């Protein structure tokens, strides 16, 4: 699987940016998000158990907008 850079949080410092990537999987459309690891005790309690093979990350809304722009550019409807 390859990862294609889509964009990063414009408000983050160099080298510490939440970032969004698209993959080239052929069996389904997937994305890889790089963000801040969620460690807040209240947020973790609200979310509940997370399997060992998964993790929680927090990413800014601007990064999500990058996904929306790509989705709309491809002519898809929500």
Protein backbone atom coordinates (compact mmCIF):
# COMPACT_ATOMS: atom_id res chain seq x y z
CA UNK A 1 0.00 0.00 0.00
CA UNK A 2 1.26 3.47 -0.88
CA UNK A 3 0.29 6.74 0.83
CA UNK A 4 -0.30 9.94 -1.15
CA UNK A 5 0.06 13.26 0.72
CA UNK A 6 -3.13 15.35 0.64
CA UNK A 7 -2.25 18.15 3.02
CA UNK A 8 -1.37 19.20 6.53
CA UNK A 9 -2.78 21.52 9.15
CA UNK A 10 -1.75 25.01 8.04
CA UNK A 11 -1.68 26.24 11.64
CA UNK A 12 0.81 23.66 12.94
CA UNK A 13 4.55 24.08 13.34
CA UNK A 14 6.91 22.51 10.81
CA UNK A 15 7.40 18.79 11.45
CA UNK A 16 4.56 18.59 13.96
CA UNK A 17 1.57 18.87 11.70
CA UNK A 18 -1.52 16.73 11.65
CA UNK A 19 -1.52 15.38 8.11
CA UNK A 20 -3.88 13.51 5.81
CA UNK A 21 -2.87 10.90 3.24
CA UNK A 22 -4.87 8.87 0.71
CA UNK A 23 -3.93 5.26 0.06
CA UNK A 24 -3.88 3.38 -3.22
CA UNK A 25 -5.75 0.33 -1.95
CA UNK A 26 -7.79 -1.33 -4.66
CA UNK A 27 -10.27 -3.18 -2.44
CA UNK A 28 -11.64 -0.01 -0.75
CA UNK A 29 -10.96 3.70 -0.36
CA UNK A 30 -8.96 4.49 2.77
CA UNK A 31 -7.08 7.38 4.31
CA UNK A 32 -4.26 7.64 6.82
CA UNK A 33 -4.44 10.46 9.34
CA UNK A 34 -1.49 11.63 11.37
CA UNK A 35 -2.55 13.54 14.45
CA UNK A 36 -2.14 14.01 18.16
CA UNK A 37 -2.52 10.88 20.26
CA UNK A 38 -5.57 11.17 22.51
CA UNK A 39 -4.47 10.95 26.14
CA UNK A 40 -7.13 13.06 27.87
CA UNK A 41 -8.68 10.85 30.58
CA UNK A 42 -12.20 12.24 30.12
CA UNK A 43 -12.15 11.78 26.34
CA UNK A 44 -10.85 8.22 26.75
CA UNK A 45 -13.59 7.46 29.30
CA UNK A 46 -16.25 8.91 26.99
CA UNK A 47 -15.04 6.78 24.07
CA UNK A 48 -14.60 3.53 25.98
CA UNK A 49 -12.50 0.49 25.15
CA UNK A 50 -10.30 0.62 22.07
CA UNK A 51 -8.83 -2.63 20.70
CA UNK A 52 -5.05 -3.04 21.05
CA UNK A 53 -4.63 -2.91 17.27
CA UNK A 54 -6.32 0.52 17.03
CA UNK A 55 -5.49 3.96 18.41
CA UNK A 56 -7.29 7.28 18.77
CA UNK A 57 -5.96 10.45 17.22
CA UNK A 58 -7.20 14.02 17.28
CA UNK A 59 -7.00 16.06 14.08
CA UNK A 60 -8.06 19.64 13.34
CA UNK A 61 -11.15 20.47 11.32
CA UNK A 62 -8.96 22.02 8.61
CA UNK A 63 -7.48 18.58 7.94
CA UNK A 64 -10.97 17.08 7.59
CA UNK A 65 -11.79 19.83 5.09
CA UNK A 66 -8.90 18.54 2.95
CA UNK A 67 -10.73 15.23 2.73
CA UNK A 68 -13.99 16.97 1.80
CA UNK A 69 -12.29 18.98 -0.96
CA UNK A 70 -10.75 15.83 -2.46
CA UNK A 71 -14.09 14.03 -2.26
CA UNK A 72 -15.90 16.86 -4.03
CA UNK A 73 -13.16 17.20 -6.68
CA UNK A 74 -13.79 13.58 -7.63
CA UNK A 75 -17.43 14.44 -8.31
CA UNK A 76 -18.82 12.36 -5.47
CA UNK A 77 -21.94 13.33 -3.55
CA UNK A 78 -22.24 13.12 0.23
